[in-house]
Amino acid sequence: MSVIRQPGMLGRTTRRRLVGVTAALTAAAIETLAVGLWFWLMVDARTTSTALVGLGILFCGAVLRTGVFGVTISDVSDLIQPRRLGAALALTGGWIVWLFLAEVIGGIRGIVIATLVLVGLLTGQLALERRAFHLRPGLFTAHPVLSLLVPAALLGLGASALLAATWLVDWAIVSPPLSLEITTVVIRIEAIQIGLLLFGCCAFLAHQRRLQRFLDR
């Protein structure tokens, strides 16, 4: 039957898609901010104290991202549960392993190998996150493994873009000086900022695809 002939069907579909896009934007913003701050602290200003601060930021971001997923697809009253914290810890550990491998191996080879490992770790983490909210693998999709692998691959693609922009690209875009009344402003866009933008776009696509599968069922 046509959607037009079913009162309320179009409205429900639109609301679900709006919820999915909003949740994906929120999750992507949280992940980009957390991973970006942690990555910047590790790459540009690494000390024992900044490493601990970065780890805290990364874990808090993982908890919030897991919370966005739970609130969007289920009626969650308590996010601080062992399984859900375990999913956040797994996400935090995945990013740490990714950067460690990339730095140990180095170069383009390090980026490729670390990204492949990250995709595998994120696939497992997404499965763990799904179980933490008591979602059966085959309930929302006929291809449960693929539904995990594609978002993980998109996040891995964004992570590789972030690493490549930081390690392999050495340029910056600098605007001409802009004279204001009391000061002069110069806008400078560096490669790492472009990498973060690409990471954010990939994160949005990953979360939007993942969340929409649950909301459309």
N, C-alpha and C. Protein backbone atom coordinates (compact mmCIF):
# COMPACT_ATOMS: atom_id res chain seq x y z
N MET A 1 0.85 -1.19 0.00
CA MET A 1 0.00 0.00 0.00
C MET A 1 0.88 1.25 0.00
N SER A 2 0.47 2.24 -0.71
CA SER A 2 1.25 3.47 -0.79
C SER A 2 1.35 4.14 0.57
N VAL A 3 2.50 4.77 0.81
CA VAL A 3 2.69 5.50 2.06
C VAL A 3 1.68 6.62 2.20
N ILE A 4 1.28 7.22 1.05
CA ILE A 4 0.34 8.33 1.07
C ILE A 4 -1.01 7.88 1.61
N ARG A 5 -1.36 6.61 1.40
CA ARG A 5 -2.64 6.10 1.85
C ARG A 5 -2.63 5.67 3.31
N GLN A 6 -1.50 5.74 3.94
CA GLN A 6 -1.39 5.33 5.34
C GLN A 6 -1.14 6.57 6.19
N PRO A 7 -2.17 7.12 6.81
CA PRO A 7 -2.00 8.33 7.62
C PRO A 7 -0.99 8.10 8.73
N GLY A 8 -0.09 9.02 8.87
CA GLY A 8 0.90 8.94 9.94
C GLY A 8 2.16 8.20 9.56
N MET A 9 2.14 7.38 8.48
CA MET A 9 3.31 6.60 8.11
C MET A 9 4.47 7.51 7.70
N LEU A 10 4.17 8.49 6.85
CA LEU A 10 5.22 9.41 6.41
C LEU A 10 5.77 10.20 7.58
N GLY A 11 4.88 10.60 8.50
CA GLY A 11 5.33 11.35 9.67
C GLY A 11 6.24 10.53 10.55
N ARG A 12 5.90 9.25 10.77
CA ARG A 12 6.74 8.39 11.60
C ARG A 12 8.09 8.16 10.95
N THR A 13 8.08 7.94 9.64
CA THR A 13 9.34 7.72 8.92
C THR A 13 10.24 8.96 9.01
N THR A 14 9.64 10.13 8.82
CA THR A 14 10.41 11.37 8.90
C THR A 14 10.98 11.58 10.29
N ARG A 15 10.17 11.29 11.32
CA ARG A 15 10.65 11.45 12.69
C ARG A 15 11.80 10.51 12.98
N ARG A 16 11.69 9.25 12.52
CA ARG A 16 12.77 8.30 12.74
C ARG A 16 14.05 8.75 12.07
N ARG A 17 13.93 9.25 10.85
CA ARG A 17 15.13 9.70 10.15
C ARG A 17 15.72 10.94 10.81
N LEU A 18 14.86 11.82 11.29
CA LEU A 18 15.35 13.01 11.99
C LEU A 18 16.08 12.63 13.27
N VAL A 19 15.50 11.67 14.00
CA VAL A 19 16.16 11.18 15.22
C VAL A 19 17.50 10.54 14.89
N GLY A 20 17.53 9.75 13.81
CA GLY A 20 18.77 9.09 13.41
C GLY A 20 19.86 10.08 13.03
N VAL A 21 19.49 11.10 12.26
CA VAL A 21 20.48 12.10 11.84
C VAL A 21 20.98 12.90 13.04
N THR A 22 20.05 13.29 13.92
CA THR A 22 20.44 14.07 15.11
C THR A 22 21.36 13.26 16.02
N ALA A 23 21.00 12.00 16.25
CA ALA A 23 21.83 11.15 17.10
C ALA A 23 23.19 10.90 16.46
N ALA A 24 23.21 10.70 15.14
CA ALA A 24 24.49 10.48 14.45
C ALA A 24 25.38 11.71 14.53
N LEU A 25 24.79 12.89 14.36
CA LEU A 25 25.56 14.13 14.48
C LEU A 25 26.13 14.28 15.89
N THR A 26 25.31 13.95 16.89
CA THR A 26 25.76 14.06 18.28
C THR A 26 26.89 13.09 18.56
N ALA A 27 26.71 11.83 18.16
CA ALA A 27 27.75 10.82 18.38
C ALA A 27 29.04 11.18 17.64
N ALA A 28 28.90 11.65 16.40
CA ALA A 28 30.08 12.02 15.61
C ALA A 28 30.80 13.21 16.23
N ALA A 29 30.05 14.20 16.71
CA ALA A 29 30.67 15.36 17.33
C ALA A 29 31.42 14.97 18.59
N ILE A 30 30.81 14.11 19.41
CA ILE A 30 31.46 13.65 20.64
C ILE A 30 32.74 12.88 20.30
N GLU A 31 32.63 11.95 19.35
CA GLU A 31 33.80 11.13 19.01
C GLU A 31 34.91 11.96 18.38
N THR A 32 34.54 12.89 17.51
CA THR A 32 35.55 13.74 16.87
C THR A 32 36.26 14.61 17.90
N LEU A 33 35.50 15.18 18.82
CA LEU A 33 36.09 16.03 19.85
C LEU A 33 37.00 15.23 20.77
N ALA A 34 36.52 14.07 21.23
CA ALA A 34 37.30 13.26 22.16
C ALA A 34 38.56 12.70 21.50
N VAL A 35 38.39 12.07 20.33
CA VAL A 35 39.55 11.50 19.63
C VAL A 35 40.50 12.60 19.18
N GLY A 36 39.94 13.73 18.71
CA GLY A 36 40.79 14.82 18.26
C GLY A 36 41.64 15.42 19.36
N LEU A 37 41.03 15.68 20.53
CA LEU A 37 41.80 16.23 21.65
C LEU A 37 42.85 15.24 22.13
N TRP A 38 42.45 13.98 22.26
CA TRP A 38 43.40 12.95 22.69
C TRP A 38 44.55 12.82 21.69
N PHE A 39 44.22 12.79 20.41
CA PHE A 39 45.24 12.64 19.37
C PHE A 39 46.20 13.83 19.39
N TRP A 40 45.66 15.03 19.53
CA TRP A 40 46.51 16.22 19.57
C TRP A 40 47.45 16.19 20.78
N LEU A 41 46.94 15.78 21.93
CA LEU A 41 47.78 15.70 23.12
C LEU A 41 48.88 14.65 22.95
N MET A 42 48.55 13.55 22.29
CA MET A 42 49.54 12.49 22.10
C MET A 42 50.60 12.86 21.06
N VAL A 43 50.22 13.58 20.04
CA VAL A 43 51.13 13.87 18.94
C VAL A 43 51.96 15.13 19.19
N ASP A 44 51.31 16.19 19.69
CA ASP A 44 51.99 17.48 19.78
C ASP A 44 52.50 17.84 21.17
N ALA A 45 51.93 17.27 22.20
CA ALA A 45 52.31 17.72 23.55
C ALA A 45 52.33 16.55 24.53
N ARG A 46 53.02 15.47 24.17
CA ARG A 46 52.95 14.27 24.99
C ARG A 46 53.88 14.35 26.20
N THR A 47 53.28 14.29 27.37
CA THR A 47 53.99 14.12 28.63
C THR A 47 53.15 13.13 29.45
N THR A 48 53.64 12.78 30.62
CA THR A 48 52.87 11.86 31.46
C THR A 48 51.52 12.46 31.84
N SER A 49 51.53 13.73 32.20
CA SER A 49 50.28 14.37 32.62
C SER A 49 49.31 14.53 31.46
N THR A 50 49.81 14.95 30.29
CA THR A 50 48.91 15.10 29.14
C THR A 50 48.40 13.75 28.65
N ALA A 51 49.22 12.71 28.80
CA ALA A 51 48.76 11.37 28.42
C ALA A 51 47.60 10.93 29.29
N LEU A 52 47.69 11.21 30.59
CA LEU A 52 46.60 10.85 31.50
C LEU A 52 45.35 11.67 31.22
N VAL A 53 45.55 12.96 30.95
CA VAL A 53 44.41 13.82 30.61
C VAL A 53 43.76 13.34 29.32
N GLY A 54 44.59 13.04 28.33
CA GLY A 54 44.06 12.55 27.06
C GLY A 54 43.30 11.25 27.21
N LEU A 55 43.82 10.36 28.05
CA LEU A 55 43.14 9.09 28.29
C LEU A 55 41.78 9.31 28.94
N GLY A 56 41.72 10.25 29.88
CA GLY A 56 40.44 10.58 30.51
C GLY A 56 39.45 11.15 29.53
N ILE A 57 39.93 12.04 28.66
CA ILE A 57 39.05 12.63 27.63
C ILE A 57 38.53 11.55 26.69
N LEU A 58 39.42 10.65 26.28
CA LEU A 58 39.04 9.58 25.36
C LEU A 58 37.99 8.66 25.98
N PHE A 59 38.19 8.31 27.25
CA PHE A 59 37.23 7.42 27.92
C PHE A 59 35.88 8.11 28.13
N CYS A 60 35.91 9.37 28.55
CA CYS A 60 34.64 10.09 28.74
C CYS A 60 33.89 10.21 27.42
N GLY A 61 34.62 10.47 26.34
CA GLY A 61 33.98 10.52 25.03
C GLY A 61 33.38 9.18 24.63
N ALA A 62 34.08 8.09 24.96
CA ALA A 62 33.56 6.76 24.65
C ALA A 62 32.29 6.46 25.44
N VAL A 63 32.27 6.86 26.71
CA VAL A 63 31.07 6.65 27.54
C VAL A 63 29.89 7.44 26.98
N LEU A 64 30.14 8.69 26.61
CA LEU A 64 29.06 9.52 26.06
C LEU A 64 28.57 8.99 24.73
N ARG A 65 29.49 8.54 23.88
CA ARG A 65 29.08 8.00 22.58
C ARG A 65 28.25 6.74 22.75
N THR A 66 28.66 5.88 23.68
CA THR A 66 27.89 4.68 23.98
C THR A 66 26.51 5.06 24.52
N GLY A 67 26.47 6.11 25.34
CA GLY A 67 25.20 6.57 25.88
C GLY A 67 24.26 7.08 24.81
N VAL A 68 24.79 7.80 23.82
CA VAL A 68 23.96 8.29 22.72
C VAL A 68 23.34 7.12 21.97
N PHE A 69 24.13 6.09 21.72
CA PHE A 69 23.61 4.91 21.04
C PHE A 69 22.49 4.27 21.86
N GLY A 70 22.72 4.10 23.17
CA GLY A 70 21.72 3.46 24.01
C GLY A 70 20.44 4.25 24.11
N VAL A 71 20.54 5.55 24.29
CA VAL A 71 19.35 6.39 24.42
C VAL A 71 18.55 6.42 23.12
N THR A 72 19.24 6.32 21.99
CA THR A 72 18.57 6.41 20.69
C THR A 72 17.78 5.15 20.35
N ILE A 73 18.34 3.99 20.66
CA ILE A 73 17.71 2.75 20.18
C ILE A 73 16.98 1.96 21.26
N SER A 74 17.06 2.40 22.52
CA SER A 74 16.38 1.66 23.58
C SER A 74 16.02 2.61 24.71
N ASP A 75 15.15 2.14 25.59
CA ASP A 75 14.78 2.92 26.77
C ASP A 75 15.79 2.64 27.87
N VAL A 76 16.80 3.47 27.94
CA VAL A 76 17.88 3.26 28.89
C VAL A 76 17.70 4.19 30.08
N SER A 77 17.72 3.61 31.26
CA SER A 77 17.60 4.42 32.47
C SER A 77 18.93 4.55 33.20
N ASP A 78 19.84 3.62 32.97
CA ASP A 78 21.12 3.64 33.67
C ASP A 78 22.23 3.26 32.70
N LEU A 79 23.07 4.23 32.36
CA LEU A 79 24.17 3.97 31.44
C LEU A 79 25.40 3.41 32.14
N ILE A 80 25.48 3.63 33.46
CA ILE A 80 26.66 3.19 34.20
C ILE A 80 26.44 1.76 34.67
N GLN A 81 26.60 0.83 33.76
CA GLN A 81 26.50 -0.59 34.05
C GLN A 81 27.77 -1.27 33.54
N PRO A 82 28.16 -2.40 34.15
CA PRO A 82 29.43 -3.04 33.78
C PRO A 82 29.57 -3.31 32.28
N ARG A 83 28.53 -3.84 31.65
CA ARG A 83 28.63 -4.15 30.21
C ARG A 83 28.82 -2.89 29.38
N ARG A 84 28.11 -1.83 29.75
CA ARG A 84 28.19 -0.60 28.98
C ARG A 84 29.52 0.11 29.21
N LEU A 85 30.01 0.07 30.44
CA LEU A 85 31.34 0.61 30.70
C LEU A 85 32.41 -0.23 30.01
N GLY A 86 32.17 -1.54 29.93
CA GLY A 86 33.10 -2.41 29.21
C GLY A 86 33.17 -2.07 27.74
N ALA A 87 32.02 -1.73 27.15
CA ALA A 87 32.01 -1.32 25.74
C ALA A 87 32.79 -0.03 25.55
N ALA A 88 32.65 0.91 26.49
CA ALA A 88 33.40 2.17 26.41
C ALA A 88 34.89 1.93 26.59
N LEU A 89 35.26 1.03 27.50
CA LEU A 89 36.67 0.69 27.69
C LEU A 89 37.26 0.04 26.44
N ALA A 90 36.47 -0.82 25.80
CA ALA A 90 36.93 -1.47 24.57
C ALA A 90 37.17 -0.44 23.48
N LEU A 91 36.30 0.55 23.39
CA LEU A 91 36.47 1.61 22.39
C LEU A 91 37.74 2.42 22.69
N THR A 92 37.93 2.76 23.96
CA THR A 92 39.13 3.50 24.35
C THR A 92 40.39 2.70 24.03
N GLY A 93 40.38 1.42 24.37
CA GLY A 93 41.54 0.58 24.09
C GLY A 93 41.82 0.45 22.61
N GLY A 94 40.78 0.40 21.80
CA GLY A 94 40.96 0.30 20.35
C GLY A 94 41.73 1.48 19.79
N TRP A 95 41.38 2.69 20.24
CA TRP A 95 42.09 3.87 19.75
C TRP A 95 43.54 3.90 20.22
N ILE A 96 43.78 3.45 21.44
CA ILE A 96 45.15 3.43 21.96
C ILE A 96 46.01 2.45 21.17
N VAL A 97 45.48 1.25 20.91
CA VAL A 97 46.21 0.26 20.12
C VAL A 97 46.48 0.78 18.71
N TRP A 98 45.51 1.45 18.14
CA TRP A 98 45.66 2.01 16.78
C TRP A 98 46.84 2.97 16.70
N LEU A 99 46.90 3.93 17.61
CA LEU A 99 47.98 4.90 17.56
C LEU A 99 49.32 4.26 17.91
N PHE A 100 49.32 3.33 18.85
CA PHE A 100 50.56 2.65 19.23
C PHE A 100 51.15 1.89 18.05
N LEU A 101 50.32 1.12 17.35
CA LEU A 101 50.81 0.37 16.19
C LEU A 101 51.31 1.30 15.09
N ALA A 102 50.57 2.36 14.84
CA ALA A 102 50.97 3.29 13.79
C ALA A 102 52.32 3.91 14.10
N GLU A 103 52.56 4.25 15.35
CA GLU A 103 53.83 4.87 15.73
C GLU A 103 54.98 3.86 15.72
N VAL A 104 54.72 2.64 16.16
CA VAL A 104 55.77 1.63 16.20
C VAL A 104 56.21 1.23 14.79
N ILE A 105 55.25 1.02 13.90
CA ILE A 105 55.58 0.60 12.53
C ILE A 105 56.04 1.79 11.70
N GLY A 106 55.31 2.89 11.79
CA GLY A 106 55.70 4.12 11.12
C GLY A 106 55.36 4.17 9.64
N GLY A 107 55.29 5.38 9.11
CA GLY A 107 55.08 5.60 7.69
C GLY A 107 53.72 5.15 7.18
N ILE A 108 53.64 5.03 5.86
CA ILE A 108 52.38 4.62 5.23
C ILE A 108 52.01 3.20 5.65
N ARG A 109 53.03 2.35 5.77
CA ARG A 109 52.77 0.97 6.19
C ARG A 109 52.13 0.93 7.58
N GLY A 110 52.63 1.76 8.47
CA GLY A 110 52.07 1.82 9.81
C GLY A 110 50.62 2.29 9.80
N ILE A 111 50.33 3.28 8.96
CA ILE A 111 48.95 3.78 8.86
C ILE A 111 48.01 2.68 8.37
N VAL A 112 48.45 1.95 7.34
CA VAL A 112 47.59 0.91 6.75
C VAL A 112 47.36 -0.22 7.75
N ILE A 113 48.44 -0.72 8.36
CA ILE A 113 48.30 -1.85 9.29
C ILE A 113 47.49 -1.44 10.51
N ALA A 114 47.79 -0.27 11.06
CA ALA A 114 47.05 0.19 12.24
C ALA A 114 45.57 0.38 11.93
N THR A 115 45.27 0.86 10.73
CA THR A 115 43.87 1.06 10.35
C THR A 115 43.13 -0.27 10.22
N LEU A 116 43.79 -1.26 9.61
CA LEU A 116 43.16 -2.58 9.48
C LEU A 116 42.90 -3.20 10.85
N VAL A 117 43.86 -3.06 11.75
CA VAL A 117 43.67 -3.58 13.11
C VAL A 117 42.53 -2.83 13.80
N LEU A 118 42.49 -1.51 13.61
CA LEU A 118 41.43 -0.70 14.22
C LEU A 118 40.06 -1.13 13.72
N VAL A 119 39.93 -1.40 12.43
CA VAL A 119 38.64 -1.83 11.88
C VAL A 119 38.19 -3.12 12.56
N GLY A 120 39.13 -4.06 12.73
CA GLY A 120 38.78 -5.30 13.42
C GLY A 120 38.38 -5.07 14.86
N LEU A 121 39.12 -4.22 15.57
CA LEU A 121 38.79 -3.93 16.96
C LEU A 121 37.46 -3.21 17.09
N LEU A 122 37.20 -2.26 16.19
CA LEU A 122 35.93 -1.53 16.25
C LEU A 122 34.75 -2.43 15.91
N THR A 123 34.95 -3.38 15.01
CA THR A 123 33.88 -4.33 14.70
C THR A 123 33.50 -5.12 15.95
N GLY A 124 34.51 -5.59 16.67
CA GLY A 124 34.24 -6.29 17.92
C GLY A 124 33.62 -5.39 18.97
N GLN A 125 34.08 -4.14 19.03
CA GLN A 125 33.53 -3.21 20.02
C GLN A 125 32.07 -2.89 19.74
N LEU A 126 31.72 -2.72 18.47
CA LEU A 126 30.33 -2.44 18.12
C LEU A 126 29.43 -3.63 18.47
N ALA A 127 29.95 -4.83 18.28
CA ALA A 127 29.19 -6.02 18.67
C ALA A 127 29.00 -6.07 20.18
N LEU A 128 30.05 -5.73 20.91
CA LEU A 128 29.97 -5.69 22.37
C LEU A 128 28.99 -4.62 22.84
N GLU A 129 29.00 -3.49 22.17
CA GLU A 129 28.08 -2.41 22.51
C GLU A 129 26.63 -2.83 22.26
N ARG A 130 26.42 -3.55 21.18
CA ARG A 130 25.07 -4.03 20.87
C ARG A 130 24.59 -5.01 21.93
N ARG A 131 25.47 -5.90 22.37
CA ARG A 131 25.09 -6.84 23.43
C ARG A 131 24.86 -6.14 24.76
N ALA A 132 25.59 -5.06 25.00
CA ALA A 132 25.44 -4.34 26.26
C ALA A 132 24.04 -3.77 26.42
N PHE A 133 23.37 -3.51 25.29
CA PHE A 133 22.01 -2.99 25.34
C PHE A 133 20.98 -4.07 24.97
N HIS A 134 21.41 -5.34 25.07
CA HIS A 134 20.52 -6.49 24.92
C HIS A 134 19.83 -6.51 23.56
N LEU A 135 20.60 -6.25 22.51
CA LEU A 135 20.07 -6.30 21.14
C LEU A 135 20.58 -7.56 20.47
N ARG A 136 19.66 -8.40 20.01
CA ARG A 136 20.06 -9.63 19.35
C ARG A 136 20.63 -9.34 17.97
N PRO A 137 21.69 -10.05 17.55
CA PRO A 137 22.36 -9.75 16.28
C PRO A 137 21.45 -9.78 15.06
N GLY A 138 20.56 -10.75 14.96
CA GLY A 138 19.74 -10.88 13.76
C GLY A 138 18.40 -10.19 13.84
N LEU A 139 18.16 -9.42 14.91
CA LEU A 139 16.85 -8.82 15.10
C LEU A 139 16.60 -7.65 14.17
N PHE A 140 17.64 -6.87 13.87
CA PHE A 140 17.47 -5.63 13.12
C PHE A 140 18.04 -5.69 11.71
N THR A 141 18.77 -6.73 11.37
CA THR A 141 19.35 -6.82 10.04
C THR A 141 19.60 -8.27 9.68
N ALA A 142 19.51 -8.55 8.38
CA ALA A 142 19.76 -9.91 7.91
C ALA A 142 21.25 -10.20 7.80
N HIS A 143 22.09 -9.17 7.86
CA HIS A 143 23.54 -9.33 7.74
C HIS A 143 24.21 -8.66 8.94
N PRO A 144 24.18 -9.30 10.11
CA PRO A 144 24.69 -8.66 11.32
C PRO A 144 26.17 -8.32 11.26
N VAL A 145 26.99 -9.19 10.65
CA VAL A 145 28.43 -8.91 10.58
C VAL A 145 28.70 -7.70 9.69
N LEU A 146 28.03 -7.66 8.54
CA LEU A 146 28.22 -6.54 7.61
C LEU A 146 27.75 -5.23 8.23
N SER A 147 26.68 -5.29 9.02
CA SER A 147 26.16 -4.08 9.65
C SER A 147 27.14 -3.52 10.68
N LEU A 148 28.05 -4.35 11.17
CA LEU A 148 29.10 -3.89 12.08
C LEU A 148 30.36 -3.48 11.33
N LEU A 149 30.67 -4.23 10.28
CA LEU A 149 31.92 -4.01 9.55
C LEU A 149 31.93 -2.69 8.79
N VAL A 150 30.80 -2.33 8.19
CA VAL A 150 30.75 -1.09 7.39
C VAL A 150 30.97 0.15 8.26
N PRO A 151 30.26 0.32 9.39
CA PRO A 151 30.56 1.48 10.25
C PRO A 151 32.00 1.47 10.77
N ALA A 152 32.51 0.28 11.12
CA ALA A 152 33.89 0.20 11.60
C ALA A 152 34.87 0.61 10.50
N ALA A 153 34.59 0.20 9.26
CA ALA A 153 35.46 0.57 8.14
C ALA A 153 35.42 2.08 7.88
N LEU A 154 34.24 2.69 8.02
CA LEU A 154 34.13 4.14 7.83
C LEU A 154 34.93 4.89 8.90
N LEU A 155 34.83 4.43 10.15
CA LEU A 155 35.61 5.05 11.21
C LEU A 155 37.11 4.84 10.98
N GLY A 156 37.48 3.65 10.51
CA GLY A 156 38.88 3.39 10.20
C GLY A 156 39.38 4.28 9.07
N LEU A 157 38.53 4.52 8.08
CA LEU A 157 38.90 5.41 6.98
C LEU A 157 39.16 6.83 7.49
N GLY A 158 38.28 7.29 8.38
CA GLY A 158 38.48 8.61 8.96
C GLY A 158 39.74 8.68 9.80
N ALA A 159 40.03 7.61 10.54
CA ALA A 159 41.24 7.58 11.36
C ALA A 159 42.50 7.61 10.49
N SER A 160 42.48 6.87 9.39
CA SER A 160 43.64 6.87 8.49
C SER A 160 43.84 8.24 7.86
N ALA A 161 42.73 8.93 7.55
CA ALA A 161 42.84 10.29 7.00
C ALA A 161 43.45 11.23 8.02
N LEU A 162 43.09 11.06 9.29
CA LEU A 162 43.65 11.90 10.35
C LEU A 162 45.15 11.67 10.49
N LEU A 163 45.57 10.40 10.48
CA LEU A 163 46.99 10.10 10.58
C LEU A 163 47.76 10.60 9.36
N ALA A 164 47.22 10.36 8.18
CA ALA A 164 47.90 10.78 6.96
C ALA A 164 48.04 12.30 6.90
N ALA A 165 46.99 13.01 7.30
CA ALA A 165 47.06 14.47 7.28
C ALA A 165 48.10 15.00 8.26
N THR A 166 48.28 14.29 9.37
CA THR A 166 49.22 14.75 10.39
C THR A 166 50.66 14.38 10.04
N TRP A 167 50.88 13.18 9.53
CA TRP A 167 52.23 12.68 9.31
C TRP A 167 52.77 12.93 7.90
N LEU A 168 51.91 12.89 6.91
CA LEU A 168 52.38 12.90 5.53
C LEU A 168 52.17 14.22 4.81
N VAL A 169 51.36 15.09 5.37
CA VAL A 169 51.06 16.37 4.71
C VAL A 169 51.70 17.49 5.51
N ASP A 170 52.47 18.31 4.82
CA ASP A 170 53.18 19.40 5.50
C ASP A 170 52.84 20.72 4.80
N TRP A 171 51.66 21.21 5.04
CA TRP A 171 51.26 22.49 4.49
C TRP A 171 50.20 23.12 5.37
N ALA A 172 49.96 24.37 5.13
CA ALA A 172 48.92 25.10 5.87
C ALA A 172 48.37 26.20 4.97
N ILE A 173 47.11 26.52 5.16
CA ILE A 173 46.47 27.61 4.43
C ILE A 173 46.40 28.81 5.37
N VAL A 174 47.01 29.90 4.94
CA VAL A 174 47.06 31.11 5.77
C VAL A 174 46.38 32.24 5.01
N SER A 175 45.43 32.87 5.65
CA SER A 175 44.71 33.98 5.02
C SER A 175 45.53 35.26 5.11
N PRO A 176 45.26 36.21 4.25
CA PRO A 176 45.90 37.53 4.40
C PRO A 176 45.47 38.17 5.73
N PRO A 177 46.30 39.01 6.31
CA PRO A 177 45.92 39.66 7.57
C PRO A 177 44.63 40.45 7.44
N LEU A 178 43.74 40.25 8.40
CA LEU A 178 42.47 40.96 8.42
C LEU A 178 42.54 42.03 9.51
N SER A 179 42.51 43.26 9.11
CA SER A 179 42.64 44.36 10.06
C SER A 179 41.29 44.69 10.68
N LEU A 180 41.24 44.61 12.01
CA LEU A 180 40.07 45.04 12.76
C LEU A 180 40.40 46.36 13.44
N GLU A 181 39.50 46.83 14.27
CA GLU A 181 39.70 48.14 14.89
C GLU A 181 40.90 48.15 15.83
N ILE A 182 41.05 47.08 16.62
CA ILE A 182 42.10 47.10 17.64
C ILE A 182 43.16 46.03 17.43
N THR A 183 42.99 45.17 16.43
CA THR A 183 43.95 44.08 16.24
C THR A 183 43.93 43.61 14.80
N THR A 184 44.85 42.73 14.48
CA THR A 184 44.92 42.11 13.16
C THR A 184 44.78 40.60 13.32
N VAL A 185 43.89 40.01 12.54
CA VAL A 185 43.59 38.58 12.65
C VAL A 185 44.10 37.86 11.41
N VAL A 186 44.77 36.73 11.65
CA VAL A 186 45.22 35.87 10.55
C VAL A 186 44.61 34.49 10.77
N ILE A 187 43.91 33.98 9.78
CA ILE A 187 43.28 32.66 9.86
C ILE A 187 44.25 31.63 9.28
N ARG A 188 44.55 30.59 10.06
CA ARG A 188 45.49 29.56 9.64
C ARG A 188 44.81 28.19 9.75
N ILE A 189 44.74 27.48 8.66
CA ILE A 189 44.15 26.14 8.62
C ILE A 189 45.26 25.14 8.33
N GLU A 190 45.49 24.22 9.27
CA GLU A 190 46.56 23.25 9.12
C GLU A 190 46.01 21.90 8.68
N ALA A 191 46.92 21.02 8.28
CA ALA A 191 46.51 19.72 7.74
C ALA A 191 45.77 18.89 8.78
N ILE A 192 46.18 18.98 10.05
CA ILE A 192 45.52 18.17 11.08
C ILE A 192 44.06 18.58 11.23
N GLN A 193 43.76 19.85 11.00
CA GLN A 193 42.37 20.30 11.08
C GLN A 193 41.53 19.73 9.93
N ILE A 194 42.14 19.65 8.75
CA ILE A 194 41.46 19.01 7.62
C ILE A 194 41.24 17.53 7.93
N GLY A 195 42.26 16.90 8.54
CA GLY A 195 42.12 15.50 8.91
C GLY A 195 41.00 15.27 9.91
N LEU A 196 40.87 16.18 10.87
CA LEU A 196 39.78 16.07 11.85
C LEU A 196 38.42 16.25 11.18
N LEU A 197 38.35 17.16 10.21
CA LEU A 197 37.10 17.35 9.49
C LEU A 197 36.71 16.09 8.73
N LEU A 198 37.68 15.47 8.06
CA LEU A 198 37.41 14.22 7.34
C LEU A 198 37.00 13.11 8.31
N PHE A 199 37.67 13.06 9.46
CA PHE A 199 37.31 12.06 10.46
C PHE A 199 35.88 12.28 10.94
N GLY A 200 35.51 13.53 11.19
CA GLY A 200 34.16 13.82 11.63
C GLY A 200 33.11 13.42 10.61
N CYS A 201 33.40 13.66 9.33
CA CYS A 201 32.45 13.27 8.27
C CYS A 201 32.29 11.75 8.22
N CYS A 202 33.41 11.03 8.31
CA CYS A 202 33.34 9.57 8.30
C CYS A 202 32.62 9.04 9.53
N ALA A 203 32.85 9.68 10.68
CA ALA A 203 32.17 9.26 11.91
C ALA A 203 30.66 9.47 11.78
N PHE A 204 30.26 10.58 11.20
CA PHE A 204 28.83 10.83 11.01
C PHE A 204 28.20 9.77 10.11
N LEU A 205 28.85 9.47 8.99
CA LEU A 205 28.32 8.45 8.08
C LEU A 205 28.23 7.10 8.77
N ALA A 206 29.25 6.76 9.56
CA ALA A 206 29.26 5.48 10.26
C ALA A 206 28.11 5.38 11.25
N HIS A 207 27.94 6.40 12.07
CA HIS A 207 26.89 6.36 13.09
C HIS A 207 25.50 6.48 12.48
N GLN A 208 25.38 7.28 11.43
CA GLN A 208 24.07 7.43 10.80
C GLN A 208 23.62 6.12 10.18
N ARG A 209 24.53 5.43 9.52
CA ARG A 209 24.19 4.15 8.90
C ARG A 209 23.83 3.12 9.97
N ARG A 210 24.60 3.11 11.04
CA ARG A 210 24.37 2.13 12.09
C ARG A 210 23.05 2.39 12.83
N LEU A 211 22.82 3.63 13.23
CA LEU A 211 21.62 3.95 14.00
C LEU A 211 20.36 3.81 13.16
N GLN A 212 20.44 4.18 11.89
CA GLN A 212 19.25 4.13 11.05
C GLN A 212 18.76 2.70 10.86
N ARG A 213 19.68 1.74 10.86
CA ARG A 213 19.28 0.34 10.74
C ARG A 213 18.40 -0.09 11.90
N PHE A 214 18.71 0.41 13.09
CA PHE A 214 17.90 0.07 14.26
C PHE A 214 16.58 0.83 14.25
N LEU A 215 16.61 2.09 13.86
CA LEU A 215 15.40 2.91 13.92
C LEU A 215 14.40 2.54 12.84
N ASP A 216 14.86 2.01 11.71
CA ASP A 216 13.96 1.68 10.62
C ASP A 216 13.22 0.37 10.82
N ARG A 217 13.60 -0.40 11.84
CA ARG A 217 12.95 -1.69 12.06
C ARG A 217 11.76 -1.56 13.00
